[in-house]
Amino acid sequence: MSTTRPYLYLRGLRQVDHTVFSVSNGQKNYYDPVYGRRLPYSSGQQVKRSLLDYMCDLLGEGRAPMQFNWQMSTDNKTKQKKLEQKEPWSPCDPKWADQLIGGWMRAQKDERTIKRRSPLSISAMHPLHPTLAGINNESLTFDRSDHPENHNVVVRNEANEIVPQQEVYDYLKSENRSLPMRIWIPEDKVGGRATGLFIYDVAVDLRLLFAVSLNQFDPELDPKTENALIEGGWQKSPDGNYLICPKTRRLWGRERVQRGGVRHRFRGGRRGLRPRCGWRCR
């Protein structure tokens, strides 16, 4: 029995200087009970998004087009129309590099859900060692006072009406104050800045890297996309369970990555791994 494992394991090291990993609710962090300090981290989803963006830049391709959905309805009480944002849809088409490598999922009403698991399993990016990373807290200012002629200051009253400029000038003179074109953002609203050495781990499933499953019990493609891929040069694997990305597309992508200055040398294991679908991954 073969002991070849169709997985590739990578570890990345990044130096981070004064960076925010999340801005939705401050800096993402966790508590290290051994060293008694809070440490920053970046989620695996953020790392994956960065890797896909970098890959698309090297390939010279854009990200797959998304469809953003809104639902218009009428309020039963006020009888006024309102808009509600719904789940965005991806094309679920592996001809786009970020879809093939990043995976997809689309759930539509009255239609089958189609989804593809990404061949990349990515861990969170966390400090190499608790003493080699940290969080710096600070406050910020949003300042546009260097060119006041390019910006406007608007004062409104309780009725949401714009107060005339002369009335504003008279008030400022009587109160001996000004209206600066800057906003002070306190520390608790900004969140910390991450600094240090961080690592993340990536497991690449070589069986699925350039192969899309044709399993109809848990479909990854709709029939229209499947037919379009076959017409575009994708071929079925010998066992008929997968669609394989054309070799010219795989080699072209590798050449673009190499020209971009990213070269990796992997040692160990056997060359030409043969996954379950029967095609050779080189």
Protein backbone atom coordinates (compact mmCIF):
# COMPACT_ATOMS: atom_id res chain seq x y z
CA MET A 1 0.00 0.00 0.00
CA SER A 2 1.37 3.41 -0.99
CA THR A 3 2.28 5.78 1.81
CA THR A 4 2.21 8.84 -0.45
CA ARG A 5 0.08 11.60 1.01
CA PRO A 6 -1.44 14.03 -1.51
CA TYR A 7 -0.98 17.03 0.77
CA LEU A 8 1.56 19.80 0.84
CA TYR A 9 2.27 21.56 4.14
CA LEU A 10 3.66 25.09 4.17
CA ARG A 11 4.54 27.55 6.92
CA GLY A 12 4.76 31.27 6.29
CA LEU A 13 6.64 33.87 8.34
CA ARG A 14 5.74 37.55 8.14
CA GLN A 15 7.17 40.60 9.81
CA VAL A 16 4.41 43.00 10.74
CA ASP A 17 4.97 46.65 11.63
CA HIS A 18 2.24 48.81 13.14
CA THR A 19 -0.64 47.00 11.42
CA VAL A 20 -4.33 46.51 12.18
CA PHE A 21 -5.62 42.99 11.48
CA SER A 22 -9.24 43.99 12.08
CA VAL A 23 -11.10 47.29 12.19
CA SER A 24 -14.67 46.11 12.86
CA ASN A 25 -14.23 45.98 16.62
CA GLY A 26 -10.65 46.95 17.34
CA GLN A 27 -7.57 44.78 17.01
CA LYS A 28 -8.14 41.02 17.11
CA ASN A 29 -6.30 39.60 20.10
CA TYR A 30 -6.18 36.72 22.56
CA TYR A 31 -4.83 36.30 26.07
CA ASP A 32 -1.69 34.25 26.70
CA PRO A 33 -1.99 32.89 30.27
CA VAL A 34 1.68 31.88 30.46
CA TYR A 35 3.12 35.30 29.69
CA GLY A 36 0.12 37.21 31.02
CA ARG A 37 -0.36 39.50 28.02
CA ARG A 38 -2.75 40.05 25.16
CA LEU A 39 -1.39 39.17 21.72
CA PRO A 40 -2.69 40.11 18.26
CA TYR A 41 -3.64 37.60 15.59
CA SER A 42 -5.19 37.50 12.14
CA SER A 43 -7.88 34.97 11.25
CA GLY A 44 -7.30 32.28 8.65
CA GLN A 45 -9.98 33.90 6.48
CA GLN A 46 -8.00 37.14 6.42
CA VAL A 47 -4.81 35.28 5.53
CA LYS A 48 -6.66 33.44 2.76
CA ARG A 49 -8.03 36.69 1.34
CA SER A 50 -4.53 38.22 1.30
CA LEU A 51 -3.10 35.15 -0.44
CA LEU A 52 -5.83 35.20 -3.09
CA ASP A 53 -5.32 38.92 -3.72
CA TYR A 54 -1.57 38.38 -4.09
CA MET A 55 -2.13 35.41 -6.40
CA CYS A 56 -4.46 37.42 -8.65
CA ASP A 57 -1.91 40.26 -8.80
CA LEU A 58 0.82 37.83 -9.91
CA LEU A 59 -1.47 36.27 -12.51
CA GLY A 60 -2.61 39.67 -13.74
CA GLU A 61 -6.24 38.69 -13.26
CA GLY A 62 -9.11 40.32 -11.44
CA ARG A 63 -11.21 38.73 -8.75
CA ALA A 64 -14.34 36.88 -9.80
CA PRO A 65 -17.36 39.16 -10.26
CA MET A 66 -19.79 39.06 -7.37
CA GLN A 67 -23.53 39.71 -7.41
CA PHE A 68 -24.74 41.81 -4.47
CA ASN A 69 -28.40 41.21 -3.72
CA TRP A 70 -30.94 43.57 -2.14
CA GLN A 71 -34.59 42.87 -1.43
CA MET A 72 -37.16 45.63 -1.71
CA SER A 73 -40.28 45.23 0.43
CA THR A 74 -43.09 47.34 1.83
CA ASP A 75 -43.41 47.96 5.56
CA ASN A 76 -46.79 46.74 6.81
CA LYS A 77 -47.16 49.63 9.27
CA THR A 78 -45.78 52.64 7.40
CA LYS A 79 -46.51 51.30 3.89
CA GLN A 80 -43.13 52.66 2.84
CA LYS A 81 -40.68 50.72 0.71
CA LYS A 82 -37.47 49.52 2.32
CA LEU A 83 -34.32 47.75 1.16
CA GLU A 84 -32.70 44.82 2.92
CA GLN A 85 -29.28 43.47 1.98
CA LYS A 86 -29.10 39.75 1.25
CA GLU A 87 -26.32 37.22 0.83
CA PRO A 88 -24.00 38.06 -2.11
CA TRP A 89 -23.49 35.41 -4.76
CA SER A 90 -20.25 34.33 -6.35
CA PRO A 91 -20.23 32.93 -9.91
CA CYS A 92 -19.16 29.47 -8.60
CA ASP A 93 -17.01 29.12 -11.70
CA PRO A 94 -13.46 27.68 -11.49
CA LYS A 95 -12.36 29.51 -14.63
CA TRP A 96 -11.63 32.34 -12.17
CA ALA A 97 -8.40 31.61 -10.29
CA ASP A 98 -9.66 32.91 -6.94
CA GLN A 99 -12.74 30.69 -7.24
CA LEU A 100 -10.74 27.58 -8.12
CA ILE A 101 -8.32 28.07 -5.24
CA GLY A 102 -10.57 29.84 -2.75
CA GLY A 103 -13.74 27.79 -3.11
CA TRP A 104 -17.34 29.02 -3.16
CA MET A 105 -20.86 28.59 -1.90
CA ARG A 106 -24.18 29.81 -3.27
CA ALA A 107 -27.55 29.19 -1.67
CA GLN A 108 -30.57 30.34 -3.69
CA LYS A 109 -34.21 30.01 -2.82
CA ASP A 110 -35.89 27.07 -4.54
CA GLU A 111 -32.55 25.91 -6.01
CA ARG A 112 -29.91 23.43 -4.92
CA THR A 113 -27.02 24.78 -2.88
CA ILE A 114 -23.69 24.38 -4.61
CA LYS A 115 -20.41 24.67 -2.76
CA ARG A 116 -16.74 23.85 -3.21
CA ARG A 117 -14.33 23.40 -0.34
CA SER A 118 -11.11 25.27 -0.90
CA PRO A 119 -8.06 23.03 -1.43
CA LEU A 120 -6.26 25.34 1.01
CA SER A 121 -6.66 24.90 4.76
CA ILE A 122 -5.16 27.96 6.45
CA SER A 123 -4.55 28.55 10.12
CA ALA A 124 -4.77 31.87 11.91
CA MET A 125 -1.64 34.04 11.71
CA HIS A 126 -0.32 34.21 15.27
CA PRO A 127 2.91 35.34 16.94
CA LEU A 128 6.00 33.22 16.40
CA HIS A 129 6.54 33.55 20.17
CA PRO A 130 4.63 35.59 22.77
CA THR A 131 7.72 37.76 23.38
CA LEU A 132 8.19 38.52 19.67
CA ALA A 133 4.88 40.33 19.09
CA GLY A 134 2.71 42.87 20.82
CA ILE A 135 -0.01 45.52 20.57
CA ASN A 136 0.64 49.27 20.62
CA ASN A 137 -2.31 51.48 21.54
CA GLU A 138 -2.71 55.03 20.27
CA SER A 139 -5.24 57.68 19.36
CA LEU A 140 -5.69 59.18 15.89
CA THR A 141 -6.93 62.35 14.24
CA PHE A 142 -8.88 62.72 11.01
CA ASP A 143 -7.41 66.06 9.89
CA ARG A 144 -8.26 68.16 6.83
CA SER A 145 -7.23 71.55 8.22
CA ASP A 146 -4.26 71.92 5.86
CA HIS A 147 -6.51 72.87 2.92
CA PRO A 148 -9.67 74.41 4.42
CA GLU A 149 -10.71 75.86 1.06
CA ASN A 150 -11.38 72.34 -0.28
CA HIS A 151 -13.79 71.30 2.46
CA ASN A 152 -17.09 72.42 3.94
CA VAL A 153 -18.33 72.83 7.49
CA VAL A 154 -22.10 72.46 7.86
CA VAL A 155 -24.00 73.26 11.08
CA ARG A 156 -27.59 72.03 11.47
CA ASN A 157 -30.18 72.84 14.12
CA GLU A 158 -32.53 70.48 15.95
CA ALA A 159 -34.89 70.45 12.97
CA ASN A 160 -32.04 69.28 10.72
CA GLU A 161 -31.99 72.66 8.96
CA ILE A 162 -28.71 74.25 7.88
CA VAL A 163 -27.83 77.27 10.02
CA PRO A 164 -26.82 80.36 7.97
CA GLN A 165 -23.10 81.09 7.96
CA GLN A 166 -23.47 84.56 9.45
CA GLU A 167 -25.34 83.14 12.43
CA VAL A 168 -22.57 80.57 12.89
CA TYR A 169 -19.89 83.31 12.71
CA ASP A 170 -21.71 85.41 15.30
CA TYR A 171 -21.98 82.43 17.64
CA LEU A 172 -18.29 81.54 17.32
CA LYS A 173 -17.30 85.15 18.00
CA SER A 174 -19.50 85.40 21.06
CA GLU A 175 -18.23 82.10 22.45
CA ASN A 176 -14.60 82.73 21.43
CA ARG A 177 -14.21 79.34 19.79
CA SER A 178 -13.62 77.75 16.37
CA LEU A 179 -14.82 74.79 14.32
CA PRO A 180 -11.67 72.90 13.27
CA MET A 181 -11.65 70.57 10.29
CA ARG A 182 -10.38 67.65 12.30
CA ILE A 183 -11.86 64.88 14.40
CA TRP A 184 -10.19 63.31 17.41
CA ILE A 185 -10.53 59.51 17.43
CA PRO A 186 -9.88 58.16 20.94
CA GLU A 187 -7.82 55.08 21.63
CA ASP A 188 -10.77 52.84 22.46
CA LYS A 189 -12.29 53.56 19.04
CA VAL A 190 -9.09 52.94 17.09
CA GLY A 191 -7.89 49.66 18.51
CA GLY A 192 -4.30 48.56 18.85
CA ARG A 193 -1.58 48.21 16.24
CA ALA A 194 0.12 44.83 15.83
CA THR A 195 3.90 44.57 15.60
CA GLY A 196 6.19 41.54 15.54
CA LEU A 197 6.91 38.23 13.83
CA PHE A 198 3.91 36.09 12.88
CA ILE A 199 3.50 32.63 11.39
CA TYR A 200 0.67 30.79 9.63
CA ASP A 201 0.29 27.25 8.31
CA VAL A 202 -1.21 26.15 4.99
CA ALA A 203 -2.22 22.61 4.03
CA VAL A 204 -2.72 22.20 0.27
CA ASP A 205 -4.92 19.31 -0.90
CA LEU A 206 -3.25 18.38 -4.22
CA ARG A 207 -6.20 16.17 -5.15
CA LEU A 208 -8.49 19.19 -5.42
CA LEU A 209 -6.02 21.93 -6.38
CA PHE A 210 -6.96 21.81 -10.08
CA ALA A 211 -9.88 19.39 -9.93
CA VAL A 212 -13.59 20.10 -9.43
CA SER A 213 -15.87 17.32 -8.23
CA LEU A 214 -18.79 16.14 -10.34
CA ASN A 215 -20.52 14.47 -7.38
CA GLN A 216 -24.26 15.07 -7.82
CA PHE A 217 -25.12 14.23 -4.21
CA ASP A 218 -23.17 17.28 -3.03
CA PRO A 219 -22.70 19.33 -6.22
CA GLU A 220 -19.94 21.85 -6.78
CA LEU A 221 -21.17 22.97 -10.22
CA ASP A 222 -24.47 23.67 -11.87
CA PRO A 223 -25.08 21.95 -15.24
CA LYS A 224 -24.65 25.20 -17.22
CA THR A 225 -21.21 25.90 -15.75
CA GLU A 226 -20.15 22.26 -16.16
CA ASN A 227 -20.98 22.31 -19.88
CA ALA A 228 -19.21 25.65 -20.35
CA LEU A 229 -16.06 24.29 -18.70
CA ILE A 230 -16.02 21.19 -20.93
CA GLU A 231 -16.39 23.40 -23.99
CA GLY A 232 -13.52 25.53 -22.65
CA GLY A 233 -11.08 22.61 -22.53
CA TRP A 234 -11.67 21.07 -19.10
CA GLN A 235 -11.54 17.28 -19.26
CA LYS A 236 -13.07 14.58 -17.13
CA SER A 237 -10.73 12.46 -15.04
CA PRO A 238 -10.34 8.76 -15.96
CA ASP A 239 -12.80 7.75 -13.24
CA GLY A 240 -15.30 10.40 -14.41
CA ASN A 241 -15.65 11.96 -10.97
CA TYR A 242 -13.74 15.20 -11.58
CA LEU A 243 -13.23 17.95 -14.12
CA ILE A 244 -9.53 18.75 -14.54
CA CYS A 245 -8.22 22.21 -15.30
CA PRO A 246 -6.47 22.37 -18.72
CA LYS A 247 -2.72 21.82 -18.57
CA THR A 248 -2.03 25.02 -20.50
CA ARG A 249 -3.88 26.99 -17.83
CA ARG A 250 -1.96 25.30 -15.02
CA LEU A 251 1.43 25.85 -16.66
CA TRP A 252 0.61 29.45 -17.60
CA GLY A 253 -0.29 30.21 -14.00
CA ARG A 254 2.94 28.66 -12.75
CA GLU A 255 5.01 30.72 -15.20
CA ARG A 256 3.31 33.94 -14.15
CA VAL A 257 3.96 33.19 -10.48
CA GLN A 258 7.62 32.41 -11.18
CA ARG A 259 8.06 35.60 -13.18
CA GLY A 260 6.57 37.43 -10.23
CA GLY A 261 9.55 36.37 -8.14
CA VAL A 262 7.87 33.73 -5.99
CA ARG A 263 9.74 30.41 -6.16
CA HIS A 264 9.47 27.61 -3.66
CA ARG A 265 11.54 24.45 -3.45
CA PHE A 266 9.89 21.56 -1.70
CA ARG A 267 11.85 18.54 -0.57
CA GLY A 268 10.73 15.11 0.53
CA GLY A 269 7.97 12.84 -0.69
CA ARG A 270 7.53 11.49 -4.21
CA ARG A 271 7.32 13.43 -7.42
CA GLY A 272 4.22 13.19 -9.53
CA LEU A 273 1.70 12.42 -6.81
CA ARG A 274 -1.25 10.52 -8.20
CA PRO A 275 -4.47 11.57 -6.42
CA ARG A 276 -7.64 9.54 -6.36
CA CYS A 277 -9.03 11.18 -9.51
CA GLY A 278 -6.20 9.63 -11.54
CA TRP A 279 -4.37 12.71 -12.93
CA ARG A 280 -0.78 13.56 -12.08
CA CYS A 281 -0.07 16.72 -10.09
CA ARG A 282 3.23 18.29 -11.14
